[in-house]
Amino acid sequence: MIKSMTGFGRCEFADGERKFTVEMKGVNHRYLDVNIRMPKKLNFFETSIRSLLKQSVSRGKVDIFITYEDLSEGQAVLKYNASLAKEYMERLREMEEQFGLDNDVRVSTLSRYPEVLTMEEQALDEEEIWNCLKKAIEGAIAQFVETRTLEGENLRRDIIDKLDGMMELVDFIEVRSPQIIAEYREKLEEKVKELLQDTQIDDSRIAAEVVIFADKICTDEEVVRLKSHISHMKDVLLSDEAGIGRKLDFIAQEMNREANTILSKANDLEVSNRGIDLKTEIEKVREQIQNIE
């Protein structure tokens, strides 16, 4: 199944006490590059998140955004440091005796002294939190893969249409090549007749010149290989093979090489025009392939 590297996924999951929202978006990249933004208290799960994503995604730059809301009432507790409060009182009594001052400390005053009363978050239940977070991530990944698959199918149809058009251009070049040689022979004979006038034309010499010209412009091998590459790419696109982006890119490079050779050998305006059109279509295909995982 062909998948594009461009996609988007979003999922929310809540279990009554906590709520997770996961969003992910992907763009083209040569390898798998994952960037995760989430609250620090969830950093412990980063490795598990990456492992979960790799089960469904092999290439692309993927940005993941995770938000976490704790809806429970007991998310923080008030801690009383009795030993510290006692020490504060002992030091205040010492000051009272030393300076002859009234000790007017009240409970409300003592409670405001540093570290006497503190708020502490309760320890997280990692297993319970991961079970909830995992469901949100799996939901986002499912939507993410769905959008990538839909876009991948559109890419498949577009590339196959372009390949069919390229095959027509190659067929034209294949048919046109023998005609170029025949036209060259005809023009050569007319030119020789014009120059020699009544003198007998040496057919063997004409034939030799035609053979040299034909060998110079011959693109039979390039045409055969190019047709093979086009057919191979279509077969790969229509297969169920996963992660075909790199293979398609390699085939496209080979196609471009053969098209360049055909164009360099072209000694005919029509073949040159078709060769330019061929290179243009190959470049369009290569651009589309860059989107495929």
C-alpha atoms as a PDB file:
ATOM      1  CA  MET A   1       0.000   0.000   0.000  1.00  0.00           C
ATOM      2  CA  ILE A   2       1.482   3.325  -1.079  1.00  0.00           C
ATOM      3  CA  LYS A   3       1.610   6.023   1.562  1.00  0.00           C
ATOM      4  CA  SER A   4       2.475   9.666   1.181  1.00  0.00           C
ATOM      5  CA  MET A   5       4.779  11.269   3.740  1.00  0.00           C
ATOM      6  CA  THR A   6       2.323  14.152   4.096  1.00  0.00           C
ATOM      7  CA  GLY A   7      -0.462  13.632   6.591  1.00  0.00           C
ATOM      8  CA  PHE A   8      -2.244  14.778   9.733  1.00  0.00           C
ATOM      9  CA  GLY A   9      -3.771  12.990  12.690  1.00  0.00           C
ATOM     10  CA  ARG A  10      -5.514  14.048  15.898  1.00  0.00           C
ATOM     11  CA  CYS A  11      -7.108  12.215  18.810  1.00  0.00           C
ATOM     12  CA  GLU A  12      -8.402  13.046  22.290  1.00  0.00           C
ATOM     13  CA  PHE A  13      -8.801  10.524  25.076  1.00  0.00           C
ATOM     14  CA  ALA A  14     -10.139  11.081  28.584  1.00  0.00           C
ATOM     15  CA  ASP A  15     -10.785   8.596  31.389  1.00  0.00           C
ATOM     16  CA  GLY A  16     -12.515  10.937  33.841  1.00  0.00           C
ATOM     17  CA  GLU A  17      -9.419  11.913  35.813  1.00  0.00           C
ATOM     18  CA  ARG A  18      -7.098  12.896  32.976  1.00  0.00           C
ATOM     19  CA  LYS A  19      -7.330  14.011  29.374  1.00  0.00           C
ATOM     20  CA  PHE A  20      -4.786  13.630  26.575  1.00  0.00           C
ATOM     21  CA  THR A  21      -4.799  15.381  23.203  1.00  0.00           C
ATOM     22  CA  VAL A  22      -2.371  14.165  20.545  1.00  0.00           C
ATOM     23  CA  GLU A  23      -1.787  15.865  17.196  1.00  0.00           C
ATOM     24  CA  MET A  24       0.730  14.832  14.570  1.00  0.00           C
ATOM     25  CA  LYS A  25       1.647  16.110  11.146  1.00  0.00           C
ATOM     26  CA  GLY A  26       4.147  14.816   8.622  1.00  0.00           C
ATOM     27  CA  VAL A  27       6.089  16.185   5.657  1.00  0.00           C
ATOM     28  CA  ASN A  28       8.761  14.827   3.319  1.00  0.00           C
ATOM     29  CA  HIS A  29      12.096  13.700   4.681  1.00  0.00           C
ATOM     30  CA  ARG A  30      14.779  11.298   3.518  1.00  0.00           C
ATOM     31  CA  TYR A  31      14.617   9.322   6.760  1.00  0.00           C
ATOM     32  CA  LEU A  32      12.288   9.094   9.762  1.00  0.00           C
ATOM     33  CA  ASP A  33      12.732  12.232  11.846  1.00  0.00           C
ATOM     34  CA  VAL A  34      10.418  12.470  14.863  1.00  0.00           C
ATOM     35  CA  ASN A  35      10.036  15.596  16.991  1.00  0.00           C
ATOM     36  CA  ILE A  36       7.875  15.299  20.134  1.00  0.00           C
ATOM     37  CA  ARG A  37       6.571  18.230  22.166  1.00  0.00           C
ATOM     38  CA  MET A  38       4.904  17.305  25.447  1.00  0.00           C
ATOM     39  CA  PRO A  39       4.808  18.243  29.172  1.00  0.00           C
ATOM     40  CA  LYS A  40       8.012  17.425  31.050  1.00  0.00           C
ATOM     41  CA  LYS A  41       6.188  15.000  33.335  1.00  0.00           C
ATOM     42  CA  LEU A  42       5.562  12.795  30.270  1.00  0.00           C
ATOM     43  CA  ASN A  43       9.179  12.712  29.056  1.00  0.00           C
ATOM     44  CA  PHE A  44       9.528   9.248  30.585  1.00  0.00           C
ATOM     45  CA  PHE A  45       7.313   7.877  27.774  1.00  0.00           C
ATOM     46  CA  GLU A  46       9.274   9.320  24.831  1.00  0.00           C
ATOM     47  CA  THR A  47      10.967   6.040  23.889  1.00  0.00           C
ATOM     48  CA  SER A  48       7.649   4.179  24.002  1.00  0.00           C
ATOM     49  CA  ILE A  49       5.994   6.840  21.829  1.00  0.00           C
ATOM     50  CA  ARG A  50       8.741   6.576  19.207  1.00  0.00           C
ATOM     51  CA  SER A  51       8.509   2.780  19.180  1.00  0.00           C
ATOM     52  CA  LEU A  52       4.737   2.969  18.738  1.00  0.00           C
ATOM     53  CA  LEU A  53       5.082   5.360  15.787  1.00  0.00           C
ATOM     54  CA  LYS A  54       7.741   3.243  14.041  1.00  0.00           C
ATOM     55  CA  GLN A  55       5.272   0.372  13.800  1.00  0.00           C
ATOM     56  CA  SER A  56       3.261   2.395  11.264  1.00  0.00           C
ATOM     57  CA  VAL A  57       5.661   5.006   9.861  1.00  0.00           C
ATOM     58  CA  SER A  58       9.071   4.413   8.262  1.00  0.00           C
ATOM     59  CA  ARG A  59       9.933   7.746   6.575  1.00  0.00           C
ATOM     60  CA  GLY A  60       9.105  11.432   6.872  1.00  0.00           C
ATOM     61  CA  LYS A  61       9.505  14.299   9.289  1.00  0.00           C
ATOM     62  CA  VAL A  62       6.821  13.831  11.915  1.00  0.00           C
ATOM     63  CA  ASP A  63       5.942  16.442  14.545  1.00  0.00           C
ATOM     64  CA  ILE A  64       3.931  15.213  17.534  1.00  0.00           C
ATOM     65  CA  PHE A  65       2.191  17.596  19.947  1.00  0.00           C
ATOM     66  CA  ILE A  66       0.820  16.201  23.228  1.00  0.00           C
ATOM     67  CA  THR A  67      -1.173  18.078  25.854  1.00  0.00           C
ATOM     68  CA  TYR A  68      -2.142  16.634  29.239  1.00  0.00           C
ATOM     69  CA  GLU A  69      -4.839  17.783  31.665  1.00  0.00           C
ATOM     70  CA  ASP A  70      -5.145  16.283  35.161  1.00  0.00           C
ATOM     71  CA  LEU A  71      -8.836  16.515  36.055  1.00  0.00           C
ATOM     72  CA  SER A  72      -8.562  14.795  39.446  1.00  0.00           C
ATOM     73  CA  GLU A  73      -8.984  16.790  42.660  1.00  0.00           C
ATOM     74  CA  GLY A  74      -6.106  15.066  44.416  1.00  0.00           C
ATOM     75  CA  GLN A  75      -3.374  16.049  42.000  1.00  0.00           C
ATOM     76  CA  ALA A  76      -1.506  17.958  44.755  1.00  0.00           C
ATOM     77  CA  VAL A  77      -1.255  17.646  48.579  1.00  0.00           C
ATOM     78  CA  LEU A  78      -0.236  20.094  51.314  1.00  0.00           C
ATOM     79  CA  LYS A  79       2.833  18.993  53.299  1.00  0.00           C
ATOM     80  CA  TYR A  80       3.603  20.260  56.842  1.00  0.00           C
ATOM     81  CA  ASN A  81       7.244  20.234  57.963  1.00  0.00           C
ATOM     82  CA  ALA A  82       6.834  19.946  61.740  1.00  0.00           C
ATOM     83  CA  SER A  83      10.543  19.666  62.535  1.00  0.00           C
ATOM     84  CA  LEU A  84      11.313  22.838  60.585  1.00  0.00           C
ATOM     85  CA  ALA A  85       8.454  24.711  62.318  1.00  0.00           C
ATOM     86  CA  LYS A  86       9.825  23.580  65.713  1.00  0.00           C
ATOM     87  CA  GLU A  87      13.276  24.843  64.825  1.00  0.00           C
ATOM     88  CA  TYR A  88      11.834  28.212  63.756  1.00  0.00           C
ATOM     89  CA  MET A  89      10.094  28.518  67.179  1.00  0.00           C
ATOM     90  CA  GLU A  90      13.256  27.621  69.080  1.00  0.00           C
ATOM     91  CA  ARG A  91      15.243  30.272  67.240  1.00  0.00           C
ATOM     92  CA  LEU A  92      12.500  32.852  67.855  1.00  0.00           C
ATOM     93  CA  ARG A  93      12.580  32.102  71.606  1.00  0.00           C
ATOM     94  CA  GLU A  94      16.331  32.582  71.586  1.00  0.00           C
ATOM     95  CA  MET A  95      15.853  35.959  69.926  1.00  0.00           C
ATOM     96  CA  GLU A  96      13.139  36.813  72.500  1.00  0.00           C
ATOM     97  CA  GLU A  97      15.499  36.097  75.418  1.00  0.00           C
ATOM     98  CA  GLN A  98      18.531  37.703  73.823  1.00  0.00           C
ATOM     99  CA  PHE A  99      16.889  40.999  72.835  1.00  0.00           C
ATOM    100  CA  GLY A 100      14.043  41.167  75.363  1.00  0.00           C
ATOM    101  CA  LEU A 101      11.372  41.238  72.713  1.00  0.00           C
ATOM    102  CA  ASP A 102       7.765  39.975  72.837  1.00  0.00           C
ATOM    103  CA  ASN A 103       7.275  36.733  70.978  1.00  0.00           C
ATOM    104  CA  ASP A 104       4.137  37.585  68.960  1.00  0.00           C
ATOM    105  CA  VAL A 105       4.321  34.746  66.473  1.00  0.00           C
ATOM    106  CA  ARG A 106       0.954  33.296  65.533  1.00  0.00           C
ATOM    107  CA  VAL A 107       0.190  30.100  63.634  1.00  0.00           C
ATOM    108  CA  SER A 108      -0.694  32.064  60.517  1.00  0.00           C
ATOM    109  CA  THR A 109       2.659  33.837  60.731  1.00  0.00           C
ATOM    110  CA  LEU A 110       4.647  30.637  61.231  1.00  0.00           C
ATOM    111  CA  SER A 111       2.858  28.909  58.330  1.00  0.00           C
ATOM    112  CA  ARG A 112       4.232  31.536  55.952  1.00  0.00           C
ATOM    113  CA  TYR A 113       7.836  30.834  56.845  1.00  0.00           C
ATOM    114  CA  PRO A 114       9.782  29.138  54.020  1.00  0.00           C
ATOM    115  CA  GLU A 115       9.235  25.385  53.637  1.00  0.00           C
ATOM    116  CA  VAL A 116       6.909  25.057  56.658  1.00  0.00           C
ATOM    117  CA  LEU A 117       3.927  24.394  54.365  1.00  0.00           C
ATOM    118  CA  THR A 118       4.543  23.184  50.800  1.00  0.00           C
ATOM    119  CA  MET A 119       2.448  21.899  47.924  1.00  0.00           C
ATOM    120  CA  GLU A 120       3.580  18.610  46.433  1.00  0.00           C
ATOM    121  CA  GLU A 121       2.203  16.816  43.397  1.00  0.00           C
ATOM    122  CA  GLN A 122       1.246  13.229  43.968  1.00  0.00           C
ATOM    123  CA  ALA A 123       3.360  10.557  42.313  1.00  0.00           C
ATOM    124  CA  LEU A 124       2.072   9.609  38.883  1.00  0.00           C
ATOM    125  CA  ASP A 125       0.806   6.128  38.216  1.00  0.00           C
ATOM    126  CA  GLU A 126       2.985   5.542  35.156  1.00  0.00           C
ATOM    127  CA  GLU A 127       1.223   2.407  33.967  1.00  0.00           C
ATOM    128  CA  GLU A 128      -2.226   3.982  34.187  1.00  0.00           C
ATOM    129  CA  ILE A 129      -1.064   7.171  32.488  1.00  0.00           C
ATOM    130  CA  TRP A 130       0.669   5.245  29.697  1.00  0.00           C
ATOM    131  CA  ASN A 131      -2.469   3.185  29.024  1.00  0.00           C
ATOM    132  CA  CYS A 132      -4.443   6.401  28.503  1.00  0.00           C
ATOM    133  CA  LEU A 133      -1.708   8.168  26.551  1.00  0.00           C
ATOM    134  CA  LYS A 134      -1.209   5.111  24.348  1.00  0.00           C
ATOM    135  CA  LYS A 135      -4.870   5.112  23.309  1.00  0.00           C
ATOM    136  CA  ALA A 136      -4.669   8.784  22.315  1.00  0.00           C
ATOM    137  CA  ILE A 137      -1.463   8.179  20.348  1.00  0.00           C
ATOM    138  CA  GLU A 138      -2.870   5.113  18.599  1.00  0.00           C
ATOM    139  CA  GLY A 139      -5.959   7.081  17.583  1.00  0.00           C
ATOM    140  CA  ALA A 140      -3.840   9.920  16.177  1.00  0.00           C
ATOM    141  CA  ILE A 141      -1.575   7.471  14.330  1.00  0.00           C
ATOM    142  CA  ALA A 142      -4.595   5.706  12.798  1.00  0.00           C
ATOM    143  CA  GLN A 143      -5.907   8.991  11.383  1.00  0.00           C
ATOM    144  CA  PHE A 144      -2.387  10.018  10.367  1.00  0.00           C
ATOM    145  CA  VAL A 145      -1.868   6.794   8.403  1.00  0.00           C
ATOM    146  CA  GLU A 146      -5.330   7.088   6.841  1.00  0.00           C
ATOM    147  CA  THR A 147      -4.596  10.553   5.421  1.00  0.00           C
ATOM    148  CA  ARG A 148      -1.176   9.408   4.204  1.00  0.00           C
ATOM    149  CA  THR A 149      -2.719   6.366   2.513  1.00  0.00           C
ATOM    150  CA  LEU A 150      -5.389   8.463   0.796  1.00  0.00           C
ATOM    151  CA  GLU A 151      -2.772  10.900  -0.484  1.00  0.00           C
ATOM    152  CA  GLY A 152      -0.593   7.952  -1.512  1.00  0.00           C
ATOM    153  CA  GLU A 153      -3.371   6.561  -3.703  1.00  0.00           C
ATOM    154  CA  ASN A 154      -3.745   9.935  -5.403  1.00  0.00           C
ATOM    155  CA  LEU A 155       0.007   9.977  -6.043  1.00  0.00           C
ATOM    156  CA  ARG A 156      -0.154   6.457  -7.486  1.00  0.00           C
ATOM    157  CA  ARG A 157      -2.849   7.386  -9.997  1.00  0.00           C
ATOM    158  CA  ASP A 158      -1.077  10.582 -11.011  1.00  0.00           C
ATOM    159  CA  ILE A 159       2.301   8.882 -11.531  1.00  0.00           C
ATOM    160  CA  ILE A 160       0.792   6.000 -13.520  1.00  0.00           C
ATOM    161  CA  ASP A 161      -0.943   8.513 -15.809  1.00  0.00           C
ATOM    162  CA  LYS A 162       2.392  10.243 -16.350  1.00  0.00           C
ATOM    163  CA  LEU A 163       4.109   6.912 -17.039  1.00  0.00           C
ATOM    164  CA  ASP A 164       1.502   6.081 -19.703  1.00  0.00           C
ATOM    165  CA  GLY A 165       2.186   9.439 -21.348  1.00  0.00           C
ATOM    166  CA  MET A 166       5.935   8.777 -21.204  1.00  0.00           C
ATOM    167  CA  MET A 167       5.460   5.400 -22.877  1.00  0.00           C
ATOM    168  CA  GLU A 168       3.672   7.125 -25.776  1.00  0.00           C
ATOM    169  CA  LEU A 169       6.631   9.490 -26.184  1.00  0.00           C
ATOM    170  CA  VAL A 170       9.081   6.573 -26.207  1.00  0.00           C
ATOM    171  CA  ASP A 171       6.936   4.714 -28.746  1.00  0.00           C
ATOM    172  CA  PHE A 172       7.040   7.761 -31.010  1.00  0.00           C
ATOM    173  CA  ILE A 173      10.845   7.934 -30.774  1.00  0.00           C
ATOM    174  CA  GLU A 174      11.096   4.221 -31.530  1.00  0.00           C
ATOM    175  CA  VAL A 175       8.920   4.533 -34.634  1.00  0.00           C
ATOM    176  CA  ARG A 176      10.531   7.749 -35.782  1.00  0.00           C
ATOM    177  CA  SER A 177      14.156   6.514 -35.673  1.00  0.00           C
ATOM    178  CA  PRO A 178      14.014   4.321 -38.829  1.00  0.00           C
ATOM    179  CA  GLN A 179      12.256   7.133 -40.684  1.00  0.00           C
ATOM    180  CA  ILE A 180      15.120   9.509 -39.824  1.00  0.00           C
ATOM    181  CA  ILE A 181      17.634   7.103 -41.371  1.00  0.00           C
ATOM    182  CA  ALA A 182      15.532   6.682 -44.538  1.00  0.00           C
ATOM    183  CA  GLU A 183      15.150  10.455 -44.870  1.00  0.00           C
ATOM    184  CA  TYR A 184      18.881  10.915 -44.363  1.00  0.00           C
ATOM    185  CA  ARG A 185      19.665   8.418 -47.127  1.00  0.00           C
ATOM    186  CA  GLU A 186      17.246  10.147 -49.477  1.00  0.00           C
ATOM    187  CA  LYS A 187      18.722  13.579 -48.775  1.00  0.00           C
ATOM    188  CA  LEU A 188      22.261  12.210 -49.109  1.00  0.00           C
ATOM    189  CA  GLU A 189      21.519  10.661 -52.505  1.00  0.00           C
ATOM    190  CA  GLU A 190      19.933  13.893 -53.741  1.00  0.00           C
ATOM    191  CA  LYS A 191      22.922  15.902 -52.580  1.00  0.00           C
ATOM    192  CA  VAL A 192      25.391  13.522 -54.231  1.00  0.00           C
ATOM    193  CA  LYS A 193      23.424  13.553 -57.490  1.00  0.00           C
ATOM    194  CA  GLU A 194      23.412  17.329 -57.429  1.00  0.00           C
ATOM    195  CA  LEU A 195      27.149  17.445 -56.923  1.00  0.00           C
ATOM    196  CA  LEU A 196      28.111  14.645 -59.342  1.00  0.00           C
ATOM    197  CA  GLN A 197      25.370  15.375 -61.886  1.00  0.00           C
ATOM    198  CA  ASP A 198      25.767  12.733 -64.611  1.00  0.00           C
ATOM    199  CA  THR A 199      28.470  10.761 -62.807  1.00  0.00           C
ATOM    200  CA  GLN A 200      27.515   7.304 -61.562  1.00  0.00           C
ATOM    201  CA  ILE A 201      26.676   7.226 -57.821  1.00  0.00           C
ATOM    202  CA  ASP A 202      28.602   4.706 -55.726  1.00  0.00           C
ATOM    203  CA  ASP A 203      25.825   2.917 -53.811  1.00  0.00           C
ATOM    204  CA  SER A 204      28.284   1.210 -51.474  1.00  0.00           C
ATOM    205  CA  ARG A 205      29.682   4.586 -50.453  1.00  0.00           C
ATOM    206  CA  ILE A 206      26.177   5.895 -49.802  1.00  0.00           C
ATOM    207  CA  ALA A 207      25.361   2.791 -47.775  1.00  0.00           C
ATOM    208  CA  ALA A 208      28.524   3.193 -45.701  1.00  0.00           C
ATOM    209  CA  GLU A 209      27.668   6.808 -44.882  1.00  0.00           C
ATOM    210  CA  VAL A 210      24.134   5.806 -43.903  1.00  0.00           C
ATOM    211  CA  VAL A 211      25.467   3.064 -41.620  1.00  0.00           C
ATOM    212  CA  ILE A 212      27.774   5.545 -39.873  1.00  0.00           C
ATOM    213  CA  PHE A 213      24.912   8.003 -39.436  1.00  0.00           C
ATOM    214  CA  ALA A 214      22.530   5.300 -38.221  1.00  0.00           C
ATOM    215  CA  ASP A 215      25.053   4.090 -35.644  1.00  0.00           C
ATOM    216  CA  LYS A 216      25.574   7.640 -34.437  1.00  0.00           C
ATOM    217  CA  ILE A 217      21.886   8.330 -33.789  1.00  0.00           C
ATOM    218  CA  CYS A 218      20.865   4.803 -32.779  1.00  0.00           C
ATOM    219  CA  THR A 219      18.811   4.821 -29.559  1.00  0.00           C
ATOM    220  CA  ASP A 220      17.533   1.240 -29.675  1.00  0.00           C
ATOM    221  CA  GLU A 221      19.229   0.224 -26.431  1.00  0.00           C
ATOM    222  CA  GLU A 222      18.127   3.349 -24.610  1.00  0.00           C
ATOM    223  CA  VAL A 223      14.538   2.919 -25.790  1.00  0.00           C
ATOM    224  CA  VAL A 224      14.441  -0.717 -24.663  1.00  0.00           C
ATOM    225  CA  ARG A 225      15.865   0.137 -21.226  1.00  0.00           C
ATOM    226  CA  LEU A 226      13.573   3.124 -20.821  1.00  0.00           C
ATOM    227  CA  LYS A 227      10.517   1.026 -21.633  1.00  0.00           C
ATOM    228  CA  SER A 228      11.714  -1.541 -19.120  1.00  0.00           C
ATOM    229  CA  HIS A 229      12.129   1.119 -16.422  1.00  0.00           C
ATOM    230  CA  ILE A 230       8.655   2.535 -17.087  1.00  0.00           C
ATOM    231  CA  SER A 231       7.083  -0.931 -16.852  1.00  0.00           C
ATOM    232  CA  HIS A 232       9.075  -1.725 -13.720  1.00  0.00           C
ATOM    233  CA  MET A 233       7.941   1.463 -12.007  1.00  0.00           C
ATOM    234  CA  LYS A 234       4.303   0.712 -12.823  1.00  0.00           C
ATOM    235  CA  ASP A 235       4.693  -2.816 -11.411  1.00  0.00           C
ATOM    236  CA  VAL A 236       6.158  -1.420  -8.182  1.00  0.00           C
ATOM    237  CA  LEU A 237       3.362   1.137  -7.898  1.00  0.00           C
ATOM    238  CA  LEU A 238       0.722  -1.549  -8.368  1.00  0.00           C
ATOM    239  CA  SER A 239       2.339  -3.970  -5.903  1.00  0.00           C
ATOM    240  CA  ASP A 240       1.557  -4.310  -2.201  1.00  0.00           C
ATOM    241  CA  GLU A 241       5.173  -3.671  -1.278  1.00  0.00           C
ATOM    242  CA  ALA A 242       5.681  -1.163   1.557  1.00  0.00           C
ATOM    243  CA  GLY A 243       8.281   1.595   1.724  1.00  0.00           C
ATOM    244  CA  ILE A 244       8.832   1.876  -2.035  1.00  0.00           C
ATOM    245  CA  GLY A 245       9.848   5.547  -2.147  1.00  0.00           C
ATOM    246  CA  ARG A 246      13.594   4.931  -2.358  1.00  0.00           C
ATOM    247  CA  LYS A 247      13.196   2.211  -4.999  1.00  0.00           C
ATOM    248  CA  LEU A 248      11.016   4.461  -7.155  1.00  0.00           C
ATOM    249  CA  ASP A 249      13.530   7.284  -6.835  1.00  0.00           C
ATOM    250  CA  PHE A 250      16.323   4.999  -8.063  1.00  0.00           C
ATOM    251  CA  ILE A 251      14.245   3.864 -11.061  1.00  0.00           C
ATOM    252  CA  ALA A 252      13.461   7.493 -11.910  1.00  0.00           C
ATOM    253  CA  GLN A 253      17.176   8.316 -11.889  1.00  0.00           C
ATOM    254  CA  GLU A 254      17.818   5.506 -14.373  1.00  0.00           C
ATOM    255  CA  MET A 255      14.971   6.732 -16.569  1.00  0.00           C
ATOM    256  CA  ASN A 256      16.428  10.232 -16.581  1.00  0.00           C
ATOM    257  CA  ARG A 257      19.841   8.860 -17.597  1.00  0.00           C
ATOM    258  CA  GLU A 258      18.380   7.061 -20.619  1.00  0.00           C
ATOM    259  CA  ALA A 259      16.339  10.128 -21.620  1.00  0.00           C
ATOM    260  CA  ASN A 260      19.481  12.277 -21.493  1.00  0.00           C
ATOM    261  CA  THR A 261      21.290   9.853 -23.827  1.00  0.00           C
ATOM    262  CA  ILE A 262      18.379   9.817 -26.278  1.00  0.00           C
ATOM    263  CA  LEU A 263      18.308  13.609 -26.316  1.00  0.00           C
ATOM    264  CA  SER A 264      22.067  13.850 -26.849  1.00  0.00           C
ATOM    265  CA  LYS A 265      21.825  11.538 -29.887  1.00  0.00           C
ATOM    266  CA  ALA A 266      18.810  13.265 -31.364  1.00  0.00           C
ATOM    267  CA  ASN A 267      19.419  14.612 -34.878  1.00  0.00           C
ATOM    268  CA  ASP A 268      15.800  15.327 -35.615  1.00  0.00           C
ATOM    269  CA  LEU A 269      13.546  18.147 -34.417  1.00  0.00           C
ATOM    270  CA  GLU A 270      10.586  15.877 -33.652  1.00  0.00           C
ATOM    271  CA  VAL A 271      12.727  13.455 -31.654  1.00  0.00           C
ATOM    272  CA  SER A 272      14.358  16.379 -29.812  1.00  0.00           C
ATOM    273  CA  ASN A 273      10.956  17.791 -28.890  1.00  0.00           C
ATOM    274  CA  ARG A 274       9.746  14.407 -27.649  1.00  0.00           C
ATOM    275  CA  GLY A 275      12.996  13.965 -25.733  1.00  0.00           C
ATOM    276  CA  ILE A 276      12.495  17.298 -23.976  1.00  0.00           C
ATOM    277  CA  ASP A 277       8.891  16.376 -23.177  1.00  0.00           C
ATOM    278  CA  LEU A 278      10.142  13.040 -21.845  1.00  0.00           C
ATOM    279  CA  LYS A 279      12.649  14.674 -19.509  1.00  0.00           C
ATOM    280  CA  THR A 280       9.982  17.107 -18.310  1.00  0.00           C
ATOM    281  CA  GLU A 281       7.619  14.258 -17.433  1.00  0.00           C
ATOM    282  CA  ILE A 282      10.369  12.299 -15.703  1.00  0.00           C
ATOM    283  CA  GLU A 283      11.173  15.318 -13.560  1.00  0.00           C
ATOM    284  CA  LYS A 284       7.494  15.649 -12.632  1.00  0.00           C
ATOM    285  CA  VAL A 285       7.448  11.989 -11.639  1.00  0.00           C
ATOM    286  CA  ARG A 286      10.600  12.421  -9.544  1.00  0.00           C
ATOM    287  CA  GLU A 287       8.996  15.332  -7.715  1.00  0.00           C
ATOM    288  CA  GLN A 288       5.943  13.234  -6.924  1.00  0.00           C
ATOM    289  CA  ILE A 289       8.079  10.314  -5.794  1.00  0.00           C
ATOM    290  CA  GLN A 290       9.713  12.543  -3.169  1.00  0.00           C
ATOM    291  CA  ASN A 291       6.329  12.494  -1.384  1.00  0.00           C
ATOM    292  CA  ILE A 292       6.128   8.695  -1.195  1.00  0.00           C
ATOM    293  CA  GLU A 293       7.201   6.851   1.951  1.00  0.00           C
END
